[in-house]
Amino acid sequence: MDTHNNTHPGRIAARFRELRARNEAALIPFIVAGDPSLRRTRELVLELEARGADLIELGVPFSDPMADGPANQRAAARGLAAGATLPAILAMVSELRRATQVPLILFGYYNPIFHYGCDRLCADAARAGIDGLLVVDLPPEEAAELARPAAHNGLDIIYLLAPTTPLERARRIARSASGFLYYVSVTGVTGARARLSADLAGNVEQLRTVTKLPIGVGFGISTPAQAGQVAAFADAVVVGSALSLLIEADYNENDLVATAGEFVAALKDAIRAARPAAPGATA
């Protein structure tokens, strides 16, 4: 029995259960809230879900996004210019929840959360309809102030693991995490890469020895072919910088939402093609 006291317990876990029953990896697009505007972000979330997104990461714009490459840094700057503060993002999510139940993850840095207040943020985020938090610069050892109110409000905390993370530390991190684990496919910042690491599949398989949580892979996945490659062995594929670049290219265009939707549909087609469908499963 779920003891969380918010009204939407376990949306992330439920989505992964559905996908596992179909033998299908999740597609998790990342977009920066407010890029190019909060109204467009709302439209993008609904379109991306309609075109195959299983969960969606909403980036909280921050002035010093040190884990992000140039594409996501510029997206964050556009989001800040559009007024995408934490209160404004949560108000947008509240509106979105009238139209969708897609799992939503707030992705960002600890500074804005610390200034907002951990207890207040977790209560407000859960009330708005957020399902999980991914705080890039907050390791589990320092996360107690956020982890307690997150658990109290039924929010998953998703942690990052890197290729350089020793297996014993990965085991400790996995014990603190919920929702899924986010494996960073490269050492370095976010950004499109021409090719993926040759030992990626082996590293994910090794991680499976220390956790039963789903394992998502992100950073550097930018094409349908790469998404399909990762979907063959991971539980989720996270794509961010490629969408930030696409949004930037179409910045003043009316077909921005449709273009992003087409890209996500191509990613999801490749993900579905990467594994045989479970017998009797329906998409």
C-alpha atoms as a PDB file:
ATOM      1  CA  MET A   1       0.000   0.000   0.000  1.00  0.00           C
ATOM      2  CA  ASP A   2       1.298   3.438  -0.890  1.00  0.00           C
ATOM      3  CA  THR A   3       1.540   5.708   2.121  1.00  0.00           C
ATOM      4  CA  HIS A   4       2.363   8.874   0.206  1.00  0.00           C
ATOM      5  CA  ASN A   5      -0.039  11.638   1.054  1.00  0.00           C
ATOM      6  CA  ASN A   6      -0.251  13.283  -2.342  1.00  0.00           C
ATOM      7  CA  THR A   7      -3.110  12.419  -4.670  1.00  0.00           C
ATOM      8  CA  HIS A   8      -1.131  10.878  -7.536  1.00  0.00           C
ATOM      9  CA  PRO A   9       1.195   8.263  -6.028  1.00  0.00           C
ATOM     10  CA  GLY A  10       3.584   6.369  -8.213  1.00  0.00           C
ATOM     11  CA  ARG A  11       2.908   7.795 -11.707  1.00  0.00           C
ATOM     12  CA  ILE A  12       6.548   7.186 -12.694  1.00  0.00           C
ATOM     13  CA  ALA A  13       6.612   3.597 -11.376  1.00  0.00           C
ATOM     14  CA  ALA A  14       3.252   2.891 -13.014  1.00  0.00           C
ATOM     15  CA  ARG A  15       4.508   4.111 -16.405  1.00  0.00           C
ATOM     16  CA  PHE A  16       7.594   1.896 -16.221  1.00  0.00           C
ATOM     17  CA  ARG A  17       5.409  -1.087 -15.271  1.00  0.00           C
ATOM     18  CA  GLU A  18       3.196  -0.491 -18.339  1.00  0.00           C
ATOM     19  CA  LEU A  19       6.227  -0.242 -20.607  1.00  0.00           C
ATOM     20  CA  ARG A  20       7.883  -3.336 -19.141  1.00  0.00           C
ATOM     21  CA  ALA A  21       4.722  -5.316 -19.857  1.00  0.00           C
ATOM     22  CA  ARG A  22       5.094  -4.262 -23.520  1.00  0.00           C
ATOM     23  CA  ASN A  23       8.871  -4.899 -23.552  1.00  0.00           C
ATOM     24  CA  GLU A  24       9.356  -1.254 -24.486  1.00  0.00           C
ATOM     25  CA  ALA A  25      11.849   1.377 -23.336  1.00  0.00           C
ATOM     26  CA  ALA A  26      10.575   4.761 -22.186  1.00  0.00           C
ATOM     27  CA  LEU A  27      11.230   7.911 -24.174  1.00  0.00           C
ATOM     28  CA  ILE A  28      11.959  10.864 -21.876  1.00  0.00           C
ATOM     29  CA  PRO A  29      12.373  14.167 -23.706  1.00  0.00           C
ATOM     30  CA  PHE A  30      13.889  17.091 -21.812  1.00  0.00           C
ATOM     31  CA  ILE A  31      12.762  20.644 -22.504  1.00  0.00           C
ATOM     32  CA  VAL A  32      13.618  23.814 -20.624  1.00  0.00           C
ATOM     33  CA  ALA A  33      10.501  25.382 -19.129  1.00  0.00           C
ATOM     34  CA  GLY A  34       9.906  28.802 -20.659  1.00  0.00           C
ATOM     35  CA  ASP A  35      11.879  28.089 -23.849  1.00  0.00           C
ATOM     36  CA  PRO A  36      10.698  29.987 -25.805  1.00  0.00           C
ATOM     37  CA  SER A  37       7.733  30.821 -23.508  1.00  0.00           C
ATOM     38  CA  LEU A  38       5.694  29.102 -20.793  1.00  0.00           C
ATOM     39  CA  ARG A  39       2.690  29.013 -23.121  1.00  0.00           C
ATOM     40  CA  ARG A  40       4.778  27.193 -25.733  1.00  0.00           C
ATOM     41  CA  THR A  41       6.138  24.836 -23.066  1.00  0.00           C
ATOM     42  CA  ARG A  42       2.577  23.852 -22.172  1.00  0.00           C
ATOM     43  CA  GLU A  43       1.814  23.178 -25.858  1.00  0.00           C
ATOM     44  CA  LEU A  44       5.063  21.248 -26.269  1.00  0.00           C
ATOM     45  CA  VAL A  45       4.362  18.934 -23.315  1.00  0.00           C
ATOM     46  CA  LEU A  46       0.965  17.976 -24.745  1.00  0.00           C
ATOM     47  CA  GLU A  47       2.353  17.489 -28.264  1.00  0.00           C
ATOM     48  CA  LEU A  48       5.361  15.449 -27.097  1.00  0.00           C
ATOM     49  CA  GLU A  49       3.097  13.178 -25.081  1.00  0.00           C
ATOM     50  CA  ALA A  50       0.751  12.766 -28.066  1.00  0.00           C
ATOM     51  CA  ARG A  51       3.717  11.802 -30.272  1.00  0.00           C
ATOM     52  CA  GLY A  52       5.190   9.157 -27.952  1.00  0.00           C
ATOM     53  CA  ALA A  53       6.881  10.737 -24.912  1.00  0.00           C
ATOM     54  CA  ASP A  54       6.374   8.474 -21.877  1.00  0.00           C
ATOM     55  CA  LEU A  55       7.717  10.857 -19.218  1.00  0.00           C
ATOM     56  CA  ILE A  56       8.874  14.451 -19.629  1.00  0.00           C
ATOM     57  CA  GLU A  57      11.692  16.314 -17.897  1.00  0.00           C
ATOM     58  CA  LEU A  58      11.042  20.027 -17.390  1.00  0.00           C
ATOM     59  CA  GLY A  59      14.247  21.988 -16.947  1.00  0.00           C
ATOM     60  CA  VAL A  60      14.171  24.767 -14.354  1.00  0.00           C
ATOM     61  CA  PRO A  61      16.225  27.609 -15.906  1.00  0.00           C
ATOM     62  CA  PHE A  62      19.262  28.566 -13.840  1.00  0.00           C
ATOM     63  CA  SER A  63      21.919  31.216 -14.437  1.00  0.00           C
ATOM     64  CA  ASP A  64      24.863  28.837 -13.936  1.00  0.00           C
ATOM     65  CA  PRO A  65      23.944  25.412 -15.407  1.00  0.00           C
ATOM     66  CA  MET A  66      27.378  23.823 -15.093  1.00  0.00           C
ATOM     67  CA  ALA A  67      26.392  20.307 -16.175  1.00  0.00           C
ATOM     68  CA  ASP A  68      24.857  21.584 -19.400  1.00  0.00           C
ATOM     69  CA  GLY A  69      26.491  22.112 -22.752  1.00  0.00           C
ATOM     70  CA  PRO A  70      25.987  25.167 -24.982  1.00  0.00           C
ATOM     71  CA  ALA A  71      22.565  24.173 -26.393  1.00  0.00           C
ATOM     72  CA  ASN A  72      20.933  23.730 -22.986  1.00  0.00           C
ATOM     73  CA  GLN A  73      22.750  26.774 -21.566  1.00  0.00           C
ATOM     74  CA  ARG A  74      21.199  28.938 -24.283  1.00  0.00           C
ATOM     75  CA  ALA A  75      17.796  27.309 -23.664  1.00  0.00           C
ATOM     76  CA  ALA A  76      18.115  28.148 -19.951  1.00  0.00           C
ATOM     77  CA  ALA A  77      18.929  31.767 -20.807  1.00  0.00           C
ATOM     78  CA  ARG A  78      15.818  31.963 -23.010  1.00  0.00           C
ATOM     79  CA  GLY A  79      13.726  30.399 -20.223  1.00  0.00           C
ATOM     80  CA  LEU A  80      15.017  32.920 -17.672  1.00  0.00           C
ATOM     81  CA  ALA A  81      14.270  35.785 -20.074  1.00  0.00           C
ATOM     82  CA  ALA A  82      10.712  34.428 -20.466  1.00  0.00           C
ATOM     83  CA  GLY A  83      10.158  34.546 -16.690  1.00  0.00           C
ATOM     84  CA  ALA A  84      10.218  30.803 -16.002  1.00  0.00           C
ATOM     85  CA  THR A  85      10.674  30.991 -12.231  1.00  0.00           C
ATOM     86  CA  LEU A  86       9.802  28.024 -10.015  1.00  0.00           C
ATOM     87  CA  PRO A  87       6.401  29.518  -9.019  1.00  0.00           C
ATOM     88  CA  ALA A  88       5.580  30.235 -12.689  1.00  0.00           C
ATOM     89  CA  ILE A  89       6.594  26.704 -13.742  1.00  0.00           C
ATOM     90  CA  LEU A  90       4.475  25.113 -10.999  1.00  0.00           C
ATOM     91  CA  ALA A  91       1.487  27.261 -11.998  1.00  0.00           C
ATOM     92  CA  MET A  92       1.920  26.042 -15.600  1.00  0.00           C
ATOM     93  CA  VAL A  93       2.099  22.399 -14.405  1.00  0.00           C
ATOM     94  CA  SER A  94      -1.149  22.891 -12.443  1.00  0.00           C
ATOM     95  CA  GLU A  95      -2.815  24.003 -15.678  1.00  0.00           C
ATOM     96  CA  LEU A  96      -1.273  21.112 -17.610  1.00  0.00           C
ATOM     97  CA  ARG A  97      -2.669  18.596 -15.146  1.00  0.00           C
ATOM     98  CA  ARG A  98      -6.184  19.407 -16.366  1.00  0.00           C
ATOM     99  CA  ALA A  99      -5.165  17.967 -19.742  1.00  0.00           C
ATOM    100  CA  THR A 100      -2.601  15.226 -19.107  1.00  0.00           C
ATOM    101  CA  GLN A 101      -1.408  12.608 -16.638  1.00  0.00           C
ATOM    102  CA  VAL A 102       2.036  12.194 -18.239  1.00  0.00           C
ATOM    103  CA  PRO A 103       4.705  11.820 -15.508  1.00  0.00           C
ATOM    104  CA  LEU A 104       6.589  15.111 -15.098  1.00  0.00           C
ATOM    105  CA  ILE A 105      10.052  15.512 -13.574  1.00  0.00           C
ATOM    106  CA  LEU A 106      11.558  18.837 -12.487  1.00  0.00           C
ATOM    107  CA  PHE A 107      15.182  18.846 -13.626  1.00  0.00           C
ATOM    108  CA  GLY A 108      17.505  21.501 -12.288  1.00  0.00           C
ATOM    109  CA  TYR A 109      20.070  22.760  -9.822  1.00  0.00           C
ATOM    110  CA  TYR A 110      19.862  23.020  -6.063  1.00  0.00           C
ATOM    111  CA  ASN A 111      20.257  26.802  -5.756  1.00  0.00           C
ATOM    112  CA  PRO A 112      16.706  27.770  -6.871  1.00  0.00           C
ATOM    113  CA  ILE A 113      15.228  24.967  -4.715  1.00  0.00           C
ATOM    114  CA  PHE A 114      17.259  26.047  -1.671  1.00  0.00           C
ATOM    115  CA  HIS A 115      16.057  29.639  -2.059  1.00  0.00           C
ATOM    116  CA  TYR A 116      12.457  28.502  -2.528  1.00  0.00           C
ATOM    117  CA  GLY A 117      12.723  26.232   0.537  1.00  0.00           C
ATOM    118  CA  CYS A 118      12.836  22.430   0.345  1.00  0.00           C
ATOM    119  CA  ASP A 119       9.693  21.776   2.406  1.00  0.00           C
ATOM    120  CA  ARG A 120       7.693  24.399   0.553  1.00  0.00           C
ATOM    121  CA  LEU A 121       8.963  23.301  -2.871  1.00  0.00           C
ATOM    122  CA  CYS A 122       8.067  19.638  -2.309  1.00  0.00           C
ATOM    123  CA  ALA A 123       4.581  20.477  -1.029  1.00  0.00           C
ATOM    124  CA  ASP A 124       3.920  22.941  -3.870  1.00  0.00           C
ATOM    125  CA  ALA A 125       5.391  20.656  -6.553  1.00  0.00           C
ATOM    126  CA  ALA A 126       3.286  17.677  -5.429  1.00  0.00           C
ATOM    127  CA  ARG A 127       0.164  19.870  -5.285  1.00  0.00           C
ATOM    128  CA  ALA A 128       0.857  21.153  -8.811  1.00  0.00           C
ATOM    129  CA  GLY A 129       1.295  17.621 -10.170  1.00  0.00           C
ATOM    130  CA  ILE A 130       5.054  17.091 -10.372  1.00  0.00           C
ATOM    131  CA  ASP A 131       6.093  13.440  -9.929  1.00  0.00           C
ATOM    132  CA  GLY A 132       9.850  13.573  -9.426  1.00  0.00           C
ATOM    133  CA  LEU A 133      12.869  15.796  -8.851  1.00  0.00           C
ATOM    134  CA  LEU A 134      16.262  15.473 -10.496  1.00  0.00           C
ATOM    135  CA  VAL A 135      18.759  17.872  -8.935  1.00  0.00           C
ATOM    136  CA  VAL A 136      21.968  17.701 -10.927  1.00  0.00           C
ATOM    137  CA  ASP A 137      24.347  19.080  -8.302  1.00  0.00           C
ATOM    138  CA  LEU A 138      22.894  17.389  -5.205  1.00  0.00           C
ATOM    139  CA  PRO A 139      24.528  14.050  -4.292  1.00  0.00           C
ATOM    140  CA  PRO A 140      22.559  11.713  -1.992  1.00  0.00           C
ATOM    141  CA  GLU A 141      24.973  12.340   0.899  1.00  0.00           C
ATOM    142  CA  GLU A 142      23.890  16.001   0.961  1.00  0.00           C
ATOM    143  CA  ALA A 143      20.253  15.544  -0.018  1.00  0.00           C
ATOM    144  CA  ALA A 144      18.558  14.845   3.345  1.00  0.00           C
ATOM    145  CA  GLU A 145      17.006  18.322   3.530  1.00  0.00           C
ATOM    146  CA  LEU A 146      15.238  17.693   0.209  1.00  0.00           C
ATOM    147  CA  ALA A 147      14.783  13.919   0.412  1.00  0.00           C
ATOM    148  CA  ARG A 148      12.650  13.989   3.575  1.00  0.00           C
ATOM    149  CA  PRO A 149       9.932  16.372   2.310  1.00  0.00           C
ATOM    150  CA  ALA A 150      10.104  14.727  -1.142  1.00  0.00           C
ATOM    151  CA  ALA A 151       9.264  11.331   0.364  1.00  0.00           C
ATOM    152  CA  HIS A 152       6.587  12.890   2.572  1.00  0.00           C
ATOM    153  CA  ASN A 153       4.918  14.399  -0.494  1.00  0.00           C
ATOM    154  CA  GLY A 154       5.261  11.320  -2.704  1.00  0.00           C
ATOM    155  CA  LEU A 155       7.902  12.786  -5.023  1.00  0.00           C
ATOM    156  CA  ASP A 156      10.543  10.500  -6.503  1.00  0.00           C
ATOM    157  CA  ILE A 157      14.138  11.679  -6.282  1.00  0.00           C
ATOM    158  CA  ILE A 158      16.123  10.620  -9.327  1.00  0.00           C
ATOM    159  CA  TYR A 159      19.915  10.551  -9.047  1.00  0.00           C
ATOM    160  CA  LEU A 160      22.600  10.705 -11.710  1.00  0.00           C
ATOM    161  CA  LEU A 161      25.273   8.039 -12.125  1.00  0.00           C
ATOM    162  CA  ALA A 162      28.352   8.574 -14.304  1.00  0.00           C
ATOM    163  CA  PRO A 163      30.706   6.175 -16.124  1.00  0.00           C
ATOM    164  CA  THR A 164      33.228   7.073 -13.396  1.00  0.00           C
ATOM    165  CA  THR A 165      30.896   6.092 -10.495  1.00  0.00           C
ATOM    166  CA  PRO A 166      32.359   3.046  -8.674  1.00  0.00           C
ATOM    167  CA  LEU A 167      29.912   0.139  -8.376  1.00  0.00           C
ATOM    168  CA  GLU A 168      29.795   0.275  -4.563  1.00  0.00           C
ATOM    169  CA  ARG A 169      28.889   3.964  -4.674  1.00  0.00           C
ATOM    170  CA  ALA A 170      26.294   3.205  -7.375  1.00  0.00           C
ATOM    171  CA  ARG A 171      24.776   0.687  -4.959  1.00  0.00           C
ATOM    172  CA  ARG A 172      24.553   3.342  -2.206  1.00  0.00           C
ATOM    173  CA  ILE A 173      23.031   5.898  -4.576  1.00  0.00           C
ATOM    174  CA  ALA A 174      20.485   3.353  -5.832  1.00  0.00           C
ATOM    175  CA  ARG A 175      19.341   2.714  -2.248  1.00  0.00           C
ATOM    176  CA  SER A 176      18.516   6.441  -1.869  1.00  0.00           C
ATOM    177  CA  ALA A 177      16.799   6.799  -5.261  1.00  0.00           C
ATOM    178  CA  SER A 178      13.269   6.154  -6.443  1.00  0.00           C
ATOM    179  CA  GLY A 179      11.526   6.362  -9.812  1.00  0.00           C
ATOM    180  CA  PHE A 180      14.539   5.426 -11.915  1.00  0.00           C
ATOM    181  CA  LEU A 181      18.308   5.896 -12.073  1.00  0.00           C
ATOM    182  CA  TYR A 182      19.711   8.288 -14.669  1.00  0.00           C
ATOM    183  CA  TYR A 183      22.947   6.978 -16.156  1.00  0.00           C
ATOM    184  CA  VAL A 184      25.013   9.698 -17.811  1.00  0.00           C
ATOM    185  CA  SER A 185      26.372   8.098 -20.974  1.00  0.00           C
ATOM    186  CA  VAL A 186      29.457  10.327 -21.233  1.00  0.00           C
ATOM    187  CA  THR A 187      31.930  12.058 -18.972  1.00  0.00           C
ATOM    188  CA  GLY A 188      31.270  15.742 -19.579  1.00  0.00           C
ATOM    189  CA  VAL A 189      28.355  18.089 -20.087  1.00  0.00           C
ATOM    190  CA  THR A 190      25.095  17.567 -21.966  1.00  0.00           C
ATOM    191  CA  GLY A 191      25.157  17.902 -25.740  1.00  0.00           C
ATOM    192  CA  ALA A 192      24.689  15.974 -28.955  1.00  0.00           C
ATOM    193  CA  ARG A 193      27.450  13.454 -29.696  1.00  0.00           C
ATOM    194  CA  ALA A 194      28.326  11.844 -33.027  1.00  0.00           C
ATOM    195  CA  ARG A 195      28.616   8.400 -31.466  1.00  0.00           C
ATOM    196  CA  LEU A 196      27.862   6.694 -28.199  1.00  0.00           C
ATOM    197  CA  SER A 197      30.379   5.035 -25.894  1.00  0.00           C
ATOM    198  CA  ALA A 198      31.257   1.465 -26.888  1.00  0.00           C
ATOM    199  CA  ASP A 199      31.003   0.195 -23.303  1.00  0.00           C
ATOM    200  CA  LEU A 200      27.606   1.775 -22.596  1.00  0.00           C
ATOM    201  CA  ALA A 201      25.584  -1.465 -22.777  1.00  0.00           C
ATOM    202  CA  GLY A 202      28.073  -3.290 -20.541  1.00  0.00           C
ATOM    203  CA  ASN A 203      28.017  -0.480 -17.970  1.00  0.00           C
ATOM    204  CA  VAL A 204      24.202  -0.549 -17.808  1.00  0.00           C
ATOM    205  CA  GLU A 205      24.211  -4.334 -17.400  1.00  0.00           C
ATOM    206  CA  GLN A 206      26.700  -4.004 -14.547  1.00  0.00           C
ATOM    207  CA  LEU A 207      24.438  -1.416 -12.882  1.00  0.00           C
ATOM    208  CA  ARG A 208      21.581  -3.922 -12.971  1.00  0.00           C
ATOM    209  CA  THR A 209      23.517  -6.040 -10.476  1.00  0.00           C
ATOM    210  CA  VAL A 210      23.043  -3.366  -7.780  1.00  0.00           C
ATOM    211  CA  THR A 211      19.463  -2.164  -8.351  1.00  0.00           C
ATOM    212  CA  LYS A 212      15.994  -3.209  -9.417  1.00  0.00           C
ATOM    213  CA  LEU A 213      15.103   0.379 -10.371  1.00  0.00           C
ATOM    214  CA  PRO A 214      14.672   1.139 -14.087  1.00  0.00           C
ATOM    215  CA  ILE A 215      17.821   2.582 -15.656  1.00  0.00           C
ATOM    216  CA  GLY A 216      17.546   5.526 -18.019  1.00  0.00           C
ATOM    217  CA  VAL A 217      20.419   6.713 -20.208  1.00  0.00           C
ATOM    218  CA  GLY A 218      20.945  10.320 -21.244  1.00  0.00           C
ATOM    219  CA  PHE A 219      23.491  12.995 -22.259  1.00  0.00           C
ATOM    220  CA  GLY A 220      24.566  12.800 -25.895  1.00  0.00           C
ATOM    221  CA  ILE A 221      21.633  10.931 -27.478  1.00  0.00           C
ATOM    222  CA  SER A 222      20.483  13.068 -30.386  1.00  0.00           C
ATOM    223  CA  THR A 223      19.200  10.901 -33.263  1.00  0.00           C
ATOM    224  CA  PRO A 224      16.543   8.194 -33.690  1.00  0.00           C
ATOM    225  CA  ALA A 225      19.317   5.711 -34.546  1.00  0.00           C
ATOM    226  CA  GLN A 226      21.107   6.428 -31.258  1.00  0.00           C
ATOM    227  CA  ALA A 227      17.812   6.256 -29.335  1.00  0.00           C
ATOM    228  CA  GLY A 228      17.125   2.819 -30.836  1.00  0.00           C
ATOM    229  CA  GLN A 229      20.634   1.656 -30.002  1.00  0.00           C
ATOM    230  CA  VAL A 230      20.200   2.611 -26.311  1.00  0.00           C
ATOM    231  CA  ALA A 231      16.613   1.278 -26.111  1.00  0.00           C
ATOM    232  CA  ALA A 232      17.913  -2.211 -26.873  1.00  0.00           C
ATOM    233  CA  PHE A 233      19.489  -2.448 -23.388  1.00  0.00           C
ATOM    234  CA  ALA A 234      18.210   0.482 -21.235  1.00  0.00           C
ATOM    235  CA  ASP A 235      14.785   1.028 -19.634  1.00  0.00           C
ATOM    236  CA  ALA A 236      14.597   4.657 -20.770  1.00  0.00           C
ATOM    237  CA  VAL A 237      16.191   6.986 -23.299  1.00  0.00           C
ATOM    238  CA  VAL A 238      16.560  10.664 -22.350  1.00  0.00           C
ATOM    239  CA  VAL A 239      16.927  13.218 -25.169  1.00  0.00           C
ATOM    240  CA  GLY A 240      17.510  16.892 -24.381  1.00  0.00           C
ATOM    241  CA  SER A 241      20.081  18.962 -26.261  1.00  0.00           C
ATOM    242  CA  ALA A 242      18.757  17.869 -29.660  1.00  0.00           C
ATOM    243  CA  LEU A 243      15.327  19.263 -28.699  1.00  0.00           C
ATOM    244  CA  SER A 244      16.874  22.481 -27.351  1.00  0.00           C
ATOM    245  CA  LEU A 245      18.652  22.959 -30.701  1.00  0.00           C
ATOM    246  CA  LEU A 246      15.441  22.249 -32.612  1.00  0.00           C
ATOM    247  CA  ILE A 247      13.503  24.762 -30.487  1.00  0.00           C
ATOM    248  CA  GLU A 248      16.281  27.304 -30.996  1.00  0.00           C
ATOM    249  CA  ALA A 249      16.264  26.811 -34.776  1.00  0.00           C
ATOM    250  CA  ASP A 250      12.492  27.276 -34.942  1.00  0.00           C
ATOM    251  CA  TYR A 251      12.455  29.980 -32.304  1.00  0.00           C
ATOM    252  CA  ASN A 252      10.089  32.388 -34.058  1.00  0.00           C
ATOM    253  CA  GLU A 253       8.317  29.842 -36.207  1.00  0.00           C
ATOM    254  CA  ASN A 254       4.678  28.857 -35.787  1.00  0.00           C
ATOM    255  CA  ASP A 255       5.416  25.205 -36.596  1.00  0.00           C
ATOM    256  CA  LEU A 256       7.796  24.783 -33.652  1.00  0.00           C
ATOM    257  CA  VAL A 257       5.430  22.487 -31.720  1.00  0.00           C
ATOM    258  CA  ALA A 258       4.695  20.283 -34.735  1.00  0.00           C
ATOM    259  CA  THR A 259       8.401  20.044 -35.636  1.00  0.00           C
ATOM    260  CA  ALA A 260       9.287  18.971 -32.090  1.00  0.00           C
ATOM    261  CA  GLY A 261       6.431  16.455 -32.189  1.00  0.00           C
ATOM    262  CA  GLU A 262       7.712  14.930 -35.433  1.00  0.00           C
ATOM    263  CA  PHE A 263      11.197  14.537 -33.958  1.00  0.00           C
ATOM    264  CA  VAL A 264       9.815  12.829 -30.837  1.00  0.00           C
ATOM    265  CA  ALA A 265       7.649  10.523 -32.979  1.00  0.00           C
ATOM    266  CA  ALA A 266      10.767   9.473 -34.950  1.00  0.00           C
ATOM    267  CA  LEU A 267      12.635   8.797 -31.696  1.00  0.00           C
ATOM    268  CA  LYS A 268       9.761   6.700 -30.336  1.00  0.00           C
ATOM    269  CA  ASP A 269       9.452   4.711 -33.581  1.00  0.00           C
ATOM    270  CA  ALA A 270      13.152   3.827 -33.340  1.00  0.00           C
ATOM    271  CA  ILE A 271      12.786   2.882 -29.658  1.00  0.00           C
ATOM    272  CA  ARG A 272       9.846   0.586 -30.407  1.00  0.00           C
ATOM    273  CA  ALA A 273      11.696  -1.019 -33.306  1.00  0.00           C
ATOM    274  CA  ALA A 274      14.687  -1.791 -31.090  1.00  0.00           C
ATOM    275  CA  ARG A 275      12.933  -4.630 -29.246  1.00  0.00           C
ATOM    276  CA  PRO A 276      10.257  -7.158 -30.164  1.00  0.00           C
ATOM    277  CA  ALA A 277       6.840  -6.257 -28.713  1.00  0.00           C
ATOM    278  CA  ALA A 278       5.657  -8.496 -25.900  1.00  0.00           C
ATOM    279  CA  PRO A 279       3.084 -11.080 -27.093  1.00  0.00           C
ATOM    280  CA  GLY A 280      -0.409  -9.604 -27.003  1.00  0.00           C
ATOM    281  CA  ALA A 281       0.884  -6.139 -26.063  1.00  0.00           C
ATOM    282  CA  THR A 282      -0.817  -3.071 -27.497  1.00  0.00           C
ATOM    283  CA  ALA A 283       0.888   0.281 -27.863  1.00  0.00           C
END
